[in-house]
Amino acid sequence: MTNGNKPLEPKVLWYVLSFFIWLLGIILGIIYMQKPEPEVKAFGKNCLIAAIIGVVTCILCYVIFGLLGLGGRICG
């Protein structure tokens, strides 16, 4: 996958996984933001941002469905 000096490839796949699997994005973000190379730091920052956007999107959907009273109807 990587030797630690370059970001994981393909980057877009890791961004999408970070969006849907938040813990993965947070872990990748923390690990790769510790590296000294600017490209690798940018990759880590983008993974972290994708994870945060995923969490916020999920919370917003939960709140919106809860306010509209659709939560129980959608799930069951």
N, C-alpha and C. Protein backbone atom coordinates (compact mmCIF):
# COMPACT_ATOMS: atom_id res chain seq x y z
N MET A 1 0.82 -1.18 0.00
CA MET A 1 0.00 0.00 0.00
C MET A 1 0.87 1.26 0.00
N THR A 2 1.63 1.46 1.08
CA THR A 2 2.47 2.63 1.16
C THR A 2 3.67 2.32 2.04
N ASN A 3 4.72 3.10 1.83
CA ASN A 3 5.90 2.93 2.67
C ASN A 3 5.98 4.00 3.74
N GLY A 4 4.93 4.78 3.92
CA GLY A 4 4.91 5.81 4.93
C GLY A 4 5.33 7.17 4.42
N ASN A 5 5.94 7.22 3.23
CA ASN A 5 6.39 8.48 2.67
C ASN A 5 5.43 9.05 1.64
N LYS A 6 4.46 8.26 1.23
CA LYS A 6 3.47 8.72 0.25
C LYS A 6 2.08 8.38 0.76
N PRO A 7 1.08 9.16 0.33
CA PRO A 7 -0.30 8.84 0.74
C PRO A 7 -0.77 7.53 0.11
N LEU A 8 -1.78 6.94 0.71
CA LEU A 8 -2.36 5.72 0.18
C LEU A 8 -2.99 5.99 -1.18
N GLU A 9 -2.91 5.04 -2.08
CA GLU A 9 -3.49 5.19 -3.41
C GLU A 9 -4.61 4.18 -3.58
N PRO A 10 -5.64 4.41 -4.30
CA PRO A 10 -6.10 5.68 -4.87
C PRO A 10 -6.72 6.56 -3.79
N LYS A 11 -6.37 7.82 -3.82
CA LYS A 11 -6.78 8.75 -2.77
C LYS A 11 -8.29 8.90 -2.67
N VAL A 12 -8.97 8.98 -3.81
CA VAL A 12 -10.42 9.19 -3.80
C VAL A 12 -11.13 8.06 -3.04
N LEU A 13 -10.67 6.85 -3.22
CA LEU A 13 -11.26 5.72 -2.50
C LEU A 13 -11.12 5.91 -0.99
N TRP A 14 -9.97 6.36 -0.54
CA TRP A 14 -9.77 6.57 0.89
C TRP A 14 -10.60 7.73 1.41
N TYR A 15 -10.82 8.75 0.59
CA TYR A 15 -11.69 9.86 1.01
C TYR A 15 -13.13 9.38 1.16
N VAL A 16 -13.60 8.57 0.22
CA VAL A 16 -14.97 8.04 0.29
C VAL A 16 -15.11 7.12 1.50
N LEU A 17 -14.13 6.26 1.74
CA LEU A 17 -14.18 5.39 2.91
C LEU A 17 -14.14 6.21 4.20
N SER A 18 -13.39 7.30 4.20
CA SER A 18 -13.33 8.16 5.38
C SER A 18 -14.68 8.81 5.64
N PHE A 19 -15.41 9.11 4.58
CA PHE A 19 -16.73 9.72 4.73
C PHE A 19 -17.72 8.75 5.36
N PHE A 20 -17.69 7.49 4.92
CA PHE A 20 -18.65 6.51 5.40
C PHE A 20 -18.19 5.77 6.65
N ILE A 21 -16.89 5.59 6.82
CA ILE A 21 -16.35 4.91 8.00
C ILE A 21 -15.52 5.96 8.75
N TRP A 22 -16.19 6.67 9.64
CA TRP A 22 -15.60 7.85 10.27
C TRP A 22 -14.36 7.52 11.07
N LEU A 23 -14.37 6.43 11.78
CA LEU A 23 -13.22 6.09 12.61
C LEU A 23 -11.97 5.89 11.74
N LEU A 24 -12.15 5.27 10.59
CA LEU A 24 -11.04 5.09 9.65
C LEU A 24 -10.49 6.44 9.21
N GLY A 25 -11.38 7.36 8.86
CA GLY A 25 -10.93 8.69 8.42
C GLY A 25 -10.21 9.45 9.51
N ILE A 26 -10.69 9.34 10.73
CA ILE A 26 -10.05 10.03 11.84
C ILE A 26 -8.66 9.44 12.11
N ILE A 27 -8.57 8.13 12.09
CA ILE A 27 -7.28 7.47 12.33
C ILE A 27 -6.29 7.81 11.22
N LEU A 28 -6.73 7.70 9.96
CA LEU A 28 -5.84 8.05 8.84
C LEU A 28 -5.41 9.51 8.93
N GLY A 29 -6.36 10.38 9.27
CA GLY A 29 -6.04 11.80 9.38
C GLY A 29 -4.98 12.06 10.42
N ILE A 30 -5.13 11.46 11.59
CA ILE A 30 -4.17 11.67 12.67
C ILE A 30 -2.79 11.12 12.30
N ILE A 31 -2.77 9.93 11.74
CA ILE A 31 -1.50 9.31 11.39
C ILE A 31 -0.76 10.12 10.32
N TYR A 32 -1.46 10.47 9.24
CA TYR A 32 -0.79 11.11 8.12
C TYR A 32 -0.53 12.60 8.34
N MET A 33 -1.22 13.22 9.27
CA MET A 33 -0.91 14.62 9.58
C MET A 33 0.36 14.75 10.42
N GLN A 34 0.85 13.64 10.96
CA GLN A 34 2.09 13.63 11.73
C GLN A 34 3.33 13.59 10.84
N LYS A 35 3.16 13.24 9.58
CA LYS A 35 4.29 13.10 8.66
C LYS A 35 4.80 14.48 8.23
N PRO A 36 6.09 14.60 7.92
CA PRO A 36 6.64 15.91 7.56
C PRO A 36 6.36 16.37 6.12
N GLU A 37 6.05 15.44 5.20
CA GLU A 37 5.86 15.80 3.80
C GLU A 37 4.52 16.53 3.62
N PRO A 38 4.51 17.65 2.87
CA PRO A 38 3.28 18.43 2.69
C PRO A 38 2.17 17.65 1.98
N GLU A 39 2.52 16.83 0.98
CA GLU A 39 1.50 16.07 0.26
C GLU A 39 0.83 15.05 1.18
N VAL A 40 1.60 14.44 2.03
CA VAL A 40 1.07 13.45 2.96
C VAL A 40 0.21 14.13 4.02
N LYS A 41 0.65 15.30 4.50
CA LYS A 41 -0.16 16.05 5.47
C LYS A 41 -1.49 16.46 4.87
N ALA A 42 -1.48 16.88 3.61
CA ALA A 42 -2.72 17.28 2.93
C ALA A 42 -3.67 16.09 2.81
N PHE A 43 -3.12 14.91 2.51
CA PHE A 43 -3.94 13.70 2.44
C PHE A 43 -4.59 13.41 3.79
N GLY A 44 -3.82 13.50 4.86
CA GLY A 44 -4.36 13.27 6.20
C GLY A 44 -5.43 14.27 6.57
N LYS A 45 -5.19 15.52 6.21
CA LYS A 45 -6.17 16.58 6.50
C LYS A 45 -7.46 16.32 5.74
N ASN A 46 -7.36 15.93 4.49
CA ASN A 46 -8.55 15.65 3.68
C ASN A 46 -9.33 14.45 4.22
N CYS A 47 -8.63 13.43 4.69
CA CYS A 47 -9.32 12.27 5.29
C CYS A 47 -10.06 12.70 6.55
N LEU A 48 -9.43 13.53 7.35
CA LEU A 48 -10.06 14.02 8.57
C LEU A 48 -11.28 14.87 8.26
N ILE A 49 -11.16 15.73 7.26
CA ILE A 49 -12.28 16.58 6.85
C ILE A 49 -13.43 15.72 6.34
N ALA A 50 -13.12 14.70 5.54
CA ALA A 50 -14.17 13.81 5.02
C ALA A 50 -14.89 13.10 6.16
N ALA A 51 -14.15 12.67 7.17
CA ALA A 51 -14.77 11.99 8.31
C ALA A 51 -15.68 12.96 9.08
N ILE A 52 -15.23 14.18 9.28
CA ILE A 52 -16.04 15.17 10.00
C ILE A 52 -17.30 15.51 9.22
N ILE A 53 -17.17 15.67 7.92
CA ILE A 53 -18.35 15.94 7.08
C ILE A 53 -19.33 14.77 7.14
N GLY A 54 -18.82 13.54 7.16
CA GLY A 54 -19.68 12.37 7.28
C GLY A 54 -20.45 12.36 8.58
N VAL A 55 -19.79 12.69 9.67
CA VAL A 55 -20.45 12.72 10.98
C VAL A 55 -21.53 13.80 11.00
N VAL A 56 -21.19 14.99 10.51
CA VAL A 56 -22.14 16.10 10.51
C VAL A 56 -23.35 15.77 9.62
N THR A 57 -23.10 15.16 8.46
CA THR A 57 -24.19 14.77 7.57
C THR A 57 -25.13 13.77 8.25
N CYS A 58 -24.57 12.81 8.93
CA CYS A 58 -25.39 11.81 9.62
C CYS A 58 -26.22 12.47 10.72
N ILE A 59 -25.62 13.36 11.48
CA ILE A 59 -26.36 14.04 12.55
C ILE A 59 -27.47 14.89 11.97
N LEU A 60 -27.19 15.62 10.89
CA LEU A 60 -28.22 16.44 10.26
C LEU A 60 -29.38 15.59 9.75
N CYS A 61 -29.08 14.47 9.12
CA CYS A 61 -30.15 13.59 8.63
C CYS A 61 -30.98 13.05 9.79
N TYR A 62 -30.31 12.67 10.87
CA TYR A 62 -31.01 12.15 12.04
C TYR A 62 -31.95 13.22 12.62
N VAL A 63 -31.45 14.46 12.72
CA VAL A 63 -32.26 15.54 13.27
C VAL A 63 -33.43 15.86 12.34
N ILE A 64 -33.17 15.95 11.05
CA ILE A 64 -34.23 16.28 10.09
C ILE A 64 -35.31 15.21 10.09
N PHE A 65 -34.91 13.94 10.04
CA PHE A 65 -35.91 12.87 10.06
C PHE A 65 -36.65 12.83 11.39
N GLY A 66 -35.97 13.15 12.47
CA GLY A 66 -36.62 13.19 13.77
C GLY A 66 -37.64 14.31 13.86
N LEU A 67 -37.30 15.48 13.32
CA LEU A 67 -38.22 16.60 13.35
C LEU A 67 -39.44 16.37 12.47
N LEU A 68 -39.25 15.67 11.37
CA LEU A 68 -40.36 15.39 10.46
C LEU A 68 -41.16 14.17 10.91
N GLY A 69 -40.70 13.49 11.90
CA GLY A 69 -41.40 12.31 12.38
C GLY A 69 -41.27 11.11 11.47
N LEU A 70 -40.23 11.07 10.65
CA LEU A 70 -40.05 9.98 9.69
C LEU A 70 -39.13 8.88 10.18
N GLY A 71 -38.49 9.10 11.32
CA GLY A 71 -37.49 8.15 11.80
C GLY A 71 -38.03 6.75 11.96
N GLY A 72 -39.18 6.59 12.60
CA GLY A 72 -39.74 5.27 12.82
C GLY A 72 -40.29 4.65 11.56
N ARG A 73 -40.81 5.45 10.67
CA ARG A 73 -41.40 4.93 9.44
C ARG A 73 -40.35 4.44 8.46
N ILE A 74 -39.20 5.08 8.43
CA ILE A 74 -38.16 4.68 7.50
C ILE A 74 -37.53 3.37 7.96
N CYS A 75 -37.28 3.25 9.25
CA CYS A 75 -36.58 2.07 9.77
C CYS A 75 -37.50 0.88 9.99
N GLY A 76 -38.77 1.09 10.01
CA GLY A 76 -39.59 -0.08 10.28
C GLY A 76 -40.96 0.13 10.03
